Each structure stands twice: as C-alpha cells, then as structure tokens.
C-alpha atoms as a PDB file:
ATOM      1  CA  MET A   1      -0.245  -0.071  -0.245  1.00  0.00           C
ATOM      2  CA  ILE A   2       3.167   2.579   0.836  1.00  0.00           C
ATOM      3  CA  GLY A   3       4.405   1.885  -2.510  1.00  0.00           C
ATOM      4  CA  LEU A   4       1.246   2.376  -4.386  1.00  0.00           C
ATOM      5  CA  THR A   5       0.951   5.559  -2.217  1.00  0.00           C
ATOM      6  CA  ARG A   6       4.336   7.124  -3.134  1.00  0.00           C
ATOM      7  CA  GLY A   7       3.735   6.012  -6.859  1.00  0.00           C
ATOM      8  CA  LEU A   8       0.267   8.194  -6.916  1.00  0.00           C
ATOM      9  CA  VAL A   9       2.119  11.179  -5.306  1.00  0.00           C
ATOM     10  CA  ALA A  10       5.180  11.003  -7.537  1.00  0.00           C
ATOM     11  CA  ALA A  11       2.785  11.005 -10.621  1.00  0.00           C
ATOM     12  CA  LEU A  12       0.791  13.730  -9.154  1.00  0.00           C
ATOM     13  CA  ALA A  13       3.760  15.460  -8.768  1.00  0.00           C
ATOM     14  CA  LEU A  14       4.881  15.581 -12.175  1.00  0.00           C
ATOM     15  CA  LEU A  15       1.241  16.666 -13.122  1.00  0.00           C
ATOM     16  CA  LEU A  16       1.578  19.640 -10.923  1.00  0.00           C
ATOM     17  CA  LEU A  17       4.927  20.800 -12.382  1.00  0.00           C
ATOM     18  CA  PRO A  18       4.900  23.747 -13.927  1.00  0.00           C
ATOM     19  CA  ALA A  19       4.243  23.433 -17.814  1.00  0.00           C
ATOM     20  CA  VAL A  20       6.843  25.628 -18.685  1.00  0.00           C
ATOM     21  CA  ALA A  21       9.926  23.761 -18.474  1.00  0.00           C
ATOM     22  CA  HIS A  22      10.597  23.467 -21.790  1.00  0.00           C
ATOM     23  CA  ALA A  23       8.924  24.815 -25.301  1.00  0.00           C
ATOM     24  CA  GLY A  24       6.810  21.606 -25.820  1.00  0.00           C
ATOM     25  CA  PRO A  25       3.694  23.678 -24.335  1.00  0.00           C
ATOM     26  CA  LEU A  26       4.985  26.803 -25.986  1.00  0.00           C
ATOM     27  CA  SER A  27       5.732  25.457 -29.311  1.00  0.00           C
ATOM     28  CA  GLY A  28       4.319  26.819 -31.978  1.00  0.00           C
ATOM     29  CA  GLU A  29       3.352  30.209 -33.833  1.00  0.00           C
ATOM     30  CA  TRP A  30       2.063  33.172 -31.458  1.00  0.00           C
ATOM     31  CA  ILE A  31       0.493  35.833 -33.530  1.00  0.00           C
ATOM     32  CA  GLY A  32       0.222  39.586 -31.945  1.00  0.00           C
ATOM     33  CA  SER A  33       2.086  43.005 -31.748  1.00  0.00           C
ATOM     34  CA  TYR A  34       4.951  45.128 -30.307  1.00  0.00           C
ATOM     35  CA  VAL A  35       5.317  48.563 -29.623  1.00  0.00           C
ATOM     36  CA  CYS A  36       8.483  50.414 -30.340  1.00  0.00           C
ATOM     37  CA  ALA A  37       9.560  53.959 -32.077  1.00  0.00           C
ATOM     38  CA  GLN A  38       7.832  53.062 -35.481  1.00  0.00           C
ATOM     39  CA  GLY A  39       4.466  52.254 -33.388  1.00  0.00           C
ATOM     40  CA  GLU A  40       2.487  49.426 -32.786  1.00  0.00           C
ATOM     41  CA  THR A  41       3.688  46.671 -35.122  1.00  0.00           C
ATOM     42  CA  ALA A  42       2.461  43.105 -36.227  1.00  0.00           C
ATOM     43  CA  LEU A  43       4.579  40.296 -34.429  1.00  0.00           C
ATOM     44  CA  THR A  44       4.561  36.682 -35.062  1.00  0.00           C
ATOM     45  CA  LEU A  45       6.580  34.859 -33.158  1.00  0.00           C
ATOM     46  CA  SER A  46       7.295  30.803 -33.855  1.00  0.00           C
ATOM     47  CA  ILE A  47       8.509  29.294 -30.659  1.00  0.00           C
ATOM     48  CA  GLU A  48      10.796  25.611 -30.475  1.00  0.00           C
ATOM     49  CA  ASP A  49      12.947  23.562 -27.985  1.00  0.00           C
ATOM     50  CA  ALA A  50      16.400  24.932 -28.978  1.00  0.00           C
ATOM     51  CA  GLY A  51      17.314  21.283 -29.750  1.00  0.00           C
ATOM     52  CA  ARG A  52      18.342  17.853 -28.074  1.00  0.00           C
ATOM     53  CA  ASP A  53      22.008  18.730 -26.712  1.00  0.00           C
ATOM     54  CA  ALA A  54      20.796  22.475 -25.194  1.00  0.00           C
ATOM     55  CA  PRO A  55      20.129  22.546 -21.611  1.00  0.00           C
ATOM     56  CA  ARG A  56      16.407  22.364 -20.419  1.00  0.00           C
ATOM     57  CA  GLY A  57      15.021  25.186 -20.671  1.00  0.00           C
ATOM     58  CA  ASP A  58      16.475  26.446 -23.753  1.00  0.00           C
ATOM     59  CA  ILE A  59      14.417  27.814 -26.818  1.00  0.00           C
ATOM     60  CA  VAL A  60      14.715  29.276 -30.551  1.00  0.00           C
ATOM     61  CA  ALA A  61      12.170  31.413 -31.868  1.00  0.00           C
ATOM     62  CA  ASP A  62      11.571  33.412 -35.136  1.00  0.00           C
ATOM     63  CA  PHE A  63      10.778  37.096 -34.856  1.00  0.00           C
ATOM     64  CA  ARG A  64       8.609  38.126 -37.883  1.00  0.00           C
ATOM     65  CA  PHE A  65       7.717  41.775 -37.829  1.00  0.00           C
ATOM     66  CA  SER A  66       5.002  43.635 -40.463  1.00  0.00           C
ATOM     67  CA  ALA A  67       2.192  46.779 -40.828  1.00  0.00           C
ATOM     68  CA  LEU A  68      -0.869  46.807 -39.098  1.00  0.00           C
ATOM     69  CA  PRO A  69      -3.870  48.405 -40.529  1.00  0.00           C
ATOM     70  CA  HIS A  70      -3.291  51.496 -38.405  1.00  0.00           C
ATOM     71  CA  ASN A  71       0.423  51.364 -39.092  1.00  0.00           C
ATOM     72  CA  PRO A  72       1.054  50.901 -42.707  1.00  0.00           C
ATOM     73  CA  ALA A  73       4.363  52.486 -43.223  1.00  0.00           C
ATOM     74  CA  VAL A  74       6.123  49.628 -41.525  1.00  0.00           C
ATOM     75  CA  PRO A  75       8.441  47.501 -43.425  1.00  0.00           C
ATOM     76  CA  SER A  76       8.367  43.281 -43.190  1.00  0.00           C
ATOM     77  CA  GLY A  77      11.573  41.862 -41.585  1.00  0.00           C
ATOM     78  CA  SER A  78      12.246  38.936 -39.445  1.00  0.00           C
ATOM     79  CA  PHE A  79      15.209  37.759 -37.271  1.00  0.00           C
ATOM     80  CA  SER A  80      16.238  34.409 -34.877  1.00  0.00           C
ATOM     81  CA  MET A  81      15.847  34.841 -31.332  1.00  0.00           C
ATOM     82  CA  ARG A  82      17.461  32.446 -28.535  1.00  0.00           C
ATOM     83  CA  GLY A  83      16.282  32.484 -24.821  1.00  0.00           C
ATOM     84  CA  ARG A  84      15.072  30.393 -21.841  1.00  0.00           C
ATOM     85  CA  ILE A  85      12.037  29.663 -20.156  1.00  0.00           C
ATOM     86  CA  ASP A  86      11.901  29.582 -16.208  1.00  0.00           C
ATOM     87  CA  ALA A  87      10.024  26.484 -15.470  1.00  0.00           C
ATOM     88  CA  GLY A  88       9.273  27.706 -12.027  1.00  0.00           C
ATOM     89  CA  SER A  89       8.080  31.528 -12.814  1.00  0.00           C
ATOM     90  CA  GLY A  90       6.767  30.906 -16.227  1.00  0.00           C
ATOM     91  CA  ARG A  91       9.188  33.821 -17.554  1.00  0.00           C
ATOM     92  CA  ILE A  92      10.816  33.968 -20.832  1.00  0.00           C
ATOM     93  CA  GLU A  93      13.438  35.501 -22.303  1.00  0.00           C
ATOM     94  CA  LEU A  94      14.672  35.781 -25.874  1.00  0.00           C
ATOM     95  CA  TYR A  95      17.393  37.322 -27.366  1.00  0.00           C
ATOM     96  CA  GLY A  96      18.018  38.651 -30.796  1.00  0.00           C
ATOM     97  CA  GLU A  97      20.358  36.790 -32.488  1.00  0.00           C
ATOM     98  CA  ARG A  98      20.628  37.083 -36.254  1.00  0.00           C
ATOM     99  CA  TRP A  99      18.674  39.151 -38.785  1.00  0.00           C
ATOM    100  CA  ARG A 100      16.679  36.992 -41.712  1.00  0.00           C
ATOM    101  CA  GLN A 101      15.470  40.049 -43.339  1.00  0.00           C
ATOM    102  CA  ARG A 102      16.604  42.961 -42.334  1.00  0.00           C
ATOM    103  CA  PRO A 103      14.526  46.416 -43.250  1.00  0.00           C
ATOM    104  CA  PHE A 104      16.803  49.811 -43.635  1.00  0.00           C
ATOM    105  CA  LEU A 105      17.916  51.150 -40.210  1.00  0.00           C
ATOM    106  CA  TYR A 106      16.100  48.321 -38.031  1.00  0.00           C
ATOM    107  CA  GLU A 107      17.749  46.835 -35.166  1.00  0.00           C
ATOM    108  CA  MET A 108      16.963  43.686 -33.291  1.00  0.00           C
ATOM    109  CA  VAL A 109      15.103  43.945 -30.084  1.00  0.00           C
ATOM    110  CA  ASN A 110      14.868  41.241 -26.867  1.00  0.00           C
ATOM    111  CA  LEU A 111      11.637  40.081 -25.206  1.00  0.00           C
ATOM    112  CA  PHE A 112      11.122  39.899 -21.803  1.00  0.00           C
ATOM    113  CA  GLY A 113       8.034  38.185 -20.449  1.00  0.00           C
ATOM    114  CA  GLY A 114       5.611  35.828 -19.150  1.00  0.00           C
ATOM    115  CA  TYR A 115       3.616  32.898 -20.333  1.00  0.00           C
ATOM    116  CA  ALA A 116      -0.003  32.229 -19.025  1.00  0.00           C
ATOM    117  CA  ARG A 117      -2.723  30.018 -19.845  1.00  0.00           C
ATOM    118  CA  THR A 118      -6.200  31.755 -19.930  1.00  0.00           C
ATOM    119  CA  ILE A 119      -9.859  30.611 -21.238  1.00  0.00           C
ATOM    120  CA  ASP A 120      -9.355  32.495 -24.518  1.00  0.00           C
ATOM    121  CA  GLY A 121      -5.991  31.017 -25.092  1.00  0.00           C
ATOM    122  CA  ASP A 122      -2.616  31.176 -24.412  1.00  0.00           C
ATOM    123  CA  VAL A 123      -0.551  33.944 -24.129  1.00  0.00           C
ATOM    124  CA  ILE A 124       2.932  35.669 -23.861  1.00  0.00           C
ATOM    125  CA  SER A 125       3.612  39.370 -22.656  1.00  0.00           C
ATOM    126  CA  GLY A 126       6.100  41.338 -21.283  1.00  0.00           C
ATOM    127  CA  GLU A 127       8.787  44.262 -22.180  1.00  0.00           C
ATOM    128  CA  VAL A 128      10.258  44.463 -25.387  1.00  0.00           C
ATOM    129  CA  GLY A 129      14.351  45.418 -24.855  1.00  0.00           C
ATOM    130  CA  PHE A 130      16.096  47.477 -27.043  1.00  0.00           C
ATOM    131  CA  PRO A 131      19.789  48.076 -26.038  1.00  0.00           C
ATOM    132  CA  ALA A 132      20.270  50.653 -28.721  1.00  0.00           C
ATOM    133  CA  ALA A 133      17.892  53.209 -27.639  1.00  0.00           C
ATOM    134  CA  PRO A 134      16.558  52.370 -23.818  1.00  0.00           C
ATOM    135  CA  GLY A 135      12.969  53.547 -23.990  1.00  0.00           C
ATOM    136  CA  ALA A 136      12.243  52.972 -27.851  1.00  0.00           C
ATOM    137  CA  CYS A 137      10.258  50.056 -27.051  1.00  0.00           C
ATOM    138  CA  THR A 138       7.565  49.226 -24.445  1.00  0.00           C
ATOM    139  CA  VAL A 139       5.314  46.096 -24.568  1.00  0.00           C
ATOM    140  CA  PHE A 140       4.726  43.215 -26.801  1.00  0.00           C
ATOM    141  CA  ARG A 141       1.786  40.464 -26.413  1.00  0.00           C
ATOM    142  CA  VAL A 142       1.021  37.602 -28.670  1.00  0.00           C
ATOM    143  CA  VAL A 143      -1.388  35.060 -27.961  1.00  0.00           C
ATOM    144  CA  ARG A 144      -1.945  31.501 -29.358  1.00  0.00           C
ATOM    145  CA  PRO A 145      -5.793  30.594 -29.133  1.00  0.00           C
ATOM    146  CA  PRO A 146      -6.941  27.277 -27.416  1.00  0.00           C
ATOM    147  CA  PRO A 147      -7.296  24.121 -29.846  1.00  0.00           C
ATOM    148  CA  ARG A 148     -10.326  23.729 -31.790  1.00  0.00           C
ATOM    149  CA  ILE A 149     -12.611  20.604 -30.336  1.00  0.00           C
ATOM    150  CA  SER A 150     -14.160  18.974 -33.434  1.00  0.00           C
END
C-alpha cells in the first residue's frame, strides 16, 4: 500500500509541475504585436526547443514583424532569437540573434515576459528591450488560441 501511495504522489507531482519547463507547450506560432519607435507593429513569434543537446529550458524563436492596418508604413522583417523559459516562474527571455530579413535602419530587439494560460488561449506578454535606444520600445503581447475541438 505504501508503494502505491508513493507512486500516486510521484505521478501527481509530475502533473503539477509547471508546463513551461521546456518549449513543448509553447512550441508553435504566436500572433500579436509589439510597440517601438515606429509605433504598434504586427508580430508573429514561432517558438521551439533549442535542440536535444541544449540545456532544458533553452528555446529558439523566429521573430517576424510587419505593418498593421493602422500603421501601414512599417516594413516587413525577421530575425532569429535564442533564450530560456524559467520552469518555476513561467518567465521567458528571448534575445535577438541573427537577421533573416533586415529592413533599412532597423535593429533587433529582445523580449522579457511571462507565459499565462487563459480561457481565451495562451498568452505571452511583457517588455520589449532595445539596448541601442533604451525606452524606445515598450510592450509586446502574443496569443495562441486554444485548440478547436471538432
């Protein structure tokens, strides 16, 4: 009986661990926007695990930006990012790594935020860091709707 109880406790503990220990639950495409000097800008963030040989919690992402209807002058661009998810707090840090498509005079940004699961879907939101001009960027928010049940 003691062995069965310990097994149930261990299984329950695994179920209660935060779901952000690796990119698994965060893997995929997130859609939203961020705000920098050019104004509010469309953002698509694609996240995945950094790879089998990377430390647990390491993630990579593709940061793609473009114009929004109310801010049509923003050019399109993209760059790769690398960072970490903290399993205990749900904090996410992503740092710009390499340009894929760089518009003239644009610089990479960093993202510092947190992950939350809501009734309307998953959300990652927080601050946009821009080391070249502190204060030029402010916030970001991306969402992934819950899966549809057919």
